[in-house]
Structures are given as C-alpha cells and as structure tokens.
C-alpha atoms as a PDB file:
ATOM      1  CA  MET A   1     125.763 124.199  93.943  1.00  0.00           C
ATOM      2  CA  LYS A   2     124.879 125.689  90.581  1.00  0.00           C
ATOM      3  CA  ILE A   3     121.317 125.732  89.256  1.00  0.00           C
ATOM      4  CA  ASP A   4     120.743 125.557  85.507  1.00  0.00           C
ATOM      5  CA  TRP A   5     117.957 128.160  85.337  1.00  0.00           C
ATOM      6  CA  ALA A   6     117.351 127.656  81.613  1.00  0.00           C
ATOM      7  CA  ALA A   7     116.729 123.932  82.100  1.00  0.00           C
ATOM      8  CA  LEU A   8     114.482 124.640  85.084  1.00  0.00           C
ATOM      9  CA  ALA A   9     112.455 127.144  83.059  1.00  0.00           C
ATOM     10  CA  SER A  10     112.213 124.674  80.183  1.00  0.00           C
ATOM     11  CA  VAL A  11     110.914 121.916  82.446  1.00  0.00           C
ATOM     12  CA  PHE A  12     108.441 124.315  84.026  1.00  0.00           C
ATOM     13  CA  GLY A  13     107.170 125.512  80.648  1.00  0.00           C
ATOM     14  CA  VAL A  14     106.753 122.042  79.192  1.00  0.00           C
ATOM     15  CA  SER A  15     105.026 120.719  82.292  1.00  0.00           C
ATOM     16  CA  LEU A  16     102.668 123.708  82.349  1.00  0.00           C
ATOM     17  CA  VAL A  17     101.700 123.251  78.696  1.00  0.00           C
ATOM     18  CA  ILE A  18     101.227 119.489  79.069  1.00  0.00           C
ATOM     19  CA  THR A  19      99.145 119.950  82.224  1.00  0.00           C
ATOM     20  CA  VAL A  20      96.839 122.480  80.596  1.00  0.00           C
ATOM     21  CA  ALA A  21      96.487 120.286  77.496  1.00  0.00           C
ATOM     22  CA  LEU A  22      95.742 117.186  79.574  1.00  0.00           C
ATOM     23  CA  VAL A  23      93.104 118.995  81.627  1.00  0.00           C
ATOM     24  CA  GLY A  24      91.597 120.327  78.399  1.00  0.00           C
ATOM     25  CA  VAL A  25      91.374 116.876  76.818  1.00  0.00           C
ATOM     26  CA  PHE A  26      89.837 115.426  79.989  1.00  0.00           C
ATOM     27  CA  THR A  27      87.321 118.286  80.038  1.00  0.00           C
ATOM     28  CA  LEU A  28      86.388 117.553  76.418  1.00  0.00           C
ATOM     29  CA  GLY A  29      85.748 113.949  77.435  1.00  0.00           C
ATOM     30  CA  ILE A  30      83.456 115.023  80.255  1.00  0.00           C
ATOM     31  CA  VAL A  31      81.599 117.426  77.963  1.00  0.00           C
ATOM     32  CA  ALA A  32      81.142 114.646  75.408  1.00  0.00           C
ATOM     33  CA  LEU A  33      79.715 112.358  78.089  1.00  0.00           C
ATOM     34  CA  SER A  34      77.383 115.100  79.287  1.00  0.00           C
ATOM     35  CA  LYS A  35      75.898 115.250  75.776  1.00  0.00           C
ATOM     36  CA  LEU A  36      74.575 111.727  76.355  1.00  0.00           C
ATOM     37  CA  SER A  37      72.370 112.534  79.322  1.00  0.00           C
ATOM     38  CA  ALA A  38      69.073 114.335  79.118  1.00  0.00           C
ATOM     39  CA  PRO A  39      68.850 117.788  80.669  1.00  0.00           C
ATOM     40  CA  ALA A  40      67.168 117.910  84.066  1.00  0.00           C
ATOM     41  CA  GLY A  41      63.639 119.153  83.503  1.00  0.00           C
ATOM     42  CA  GLY A  42      63.635 118.636  79.750  1.00  0.00           C
ATOM     43  CA  SER A  43      60.192 118.310  78.183  1.00  0.00           C
ATOM     44  CA  GLY A  44      61.132 115.605  75.715  1.00  0.00           C
ATOM     45  CA  SER A  45      62.068 117.781  72.760  1.00  0.00           C
ATOM     46  CA  GLY A  46      65.811 118.114  72.504  1.00  0.00           C
ATOM     47  CA  SER A  47      66.497 115.901  75.487  1.00  0.00           C
ATOM     48  CA  GLY A  48      69.593 113.763  75.262  1.00  0.00           C
ATOM     49  CA  ALA A  49      71.401 112.760  72.099  1.00  0.00           C
ATOM     50  CA  SER A  50      70.030 110.859  69.117  1.00  0.00           C
ATOM     51  CA  GLY A  51      71.420 107.483  68.030  1.00  0.00           C
ATOM     52  CA  GLY A  52      74.268 108.603  65.769  1.00  0.00           C
ATOM     53  CA  THR A  53      75.121 111.600  67.888  1.00  0.00           C
ATOM     54  CA  ALA A  54      75.182 109.495  71.047  1.00  0.00           C
ATOM     55  CA  ALA A  55      77.591 107.002  69.491  1.00  0.00           C
ATOM     56  CA  LEU A  56      79.849 109.819  68.299  1.00  0.00           C
ATOM     57  CA  ALA A  57      79.769 111.503  71.719  1.00  0.00           C
ATOM     58  CA  ARG A  58      80.543 108.239  73.528  1.00  0.00           C
ATOM     59  CA  THR A  59      83.366 107.372  71.127  1.00  0.00           C
ATOM     60  CA  SER A  60      84.950 110.807  71.385  1.00  0.00           C
ATOM     61  CA  ALA A  61      84.663 110.759  75.177  1.00  0.00           C
ATOM     62  CA  TYR A  62      86.373 107.377  75.372  1.00  0.00           C
ATOM     63  CA  ALA A  63      89.074 108.591  72.975  1.00  0.00           C
ATOM     64  CA  CYS A  64      89.726 111.629  75.184  1.00  0.00           C
ATOM     65  CA  PHE A  65      89.946 109.476  78.299  1.00  0.00           C
ATOM     66  CA  ALA A  66      92.238 107.008  76.521  1.00  0.00           C
ATOM     67  CA  ALA A  67      94.514 109.878  75.469  1.00  0.00           C
ATOM     68  CA  CYS A  68      94.656 111.076  79.087  1.00  0.00           C
ATOM     69  CA  ALA A  69      95.450 107.576  80.337  1.00  0.00           C
ATOM     70  CA  ALA A  70      98.162 107.195  77.696  1.00  0.00           C
ATOM     71  CA  ALA A  71      99.745 110.534  78.632  1.00  0.00           C
ATOM     72  CA  VAL A  72      99.732 109.677  82.338  1.00  0.00           C
ATOM     73  CA  SER A  73     101.140 106.213  81.634  1.00  0.00           C
ATOM     74  CA  TYR A  74     103.911 107.692  79.500  1.00  0.00           C
ATOM     75  CA  GLY A  75     104.745 110.172  82.265  1.00  0.00           C
ATOM     76  CA  ILE A  76     104.984 107.378  84.809  1.00  0.00           C
ATOM     77  CA  TYR A  77     107.160 105.413  82.374  1.00  0.00           C
ATOM     78  CA  LEU A  78     109.506 108.408  82.034  1.00  0.00           C
ATOM     79  CA  ILE A  79     109.777 108.753  85.795  1.00  0.00           C
ATOM     80  CA  VAL A  80     110.449 105.052  86.405  1.00  0.00           C
ATOM     81  CA  ALA A  81     112.838 104.468  83.490  1.00  0.00           C
END
C-alpha cells in the first residue's frame, strides 16, 4: 500500500483553513447577535443597540449563519456525491 503524502497534506491543509474560517464566521455571527442585547447591569446609557445598528447587527449575524449553513451543506453534498 502506497500513501500519497502530498495529497494527504493538501487535504489536511485545506480542511484546516476551511475549519478555522468557518469557526471565525460563526464567531462573527455570535458577536453580531451579542450587540443586540443590553449589557448586564447597564444603567441605560449605551445599553443595547439603536434601531439602525440593531438591524445591521441582526442582518450581519443572519448572513454569517447562512454562510456557515451553506458551507456545511456543500461539504455534505461533496461527501454524498
């Protein structure tokens, strides 16, 4: 049995980069959602996000989660096909 080490290293490298990128995008989505909630113990000034900022944070969070779902779906498609 012969192992193609170059192909194995290539698969490892690509999967590592994609995993780190996917975790990063998911983290950005969580951070965007956390901008919507008021800080615990806030006194009213600076608590939560204003109207336009809240819509932008919610939209960007949903976009990040949609990108993660699309990447996972594409990975499952590649495995099944």
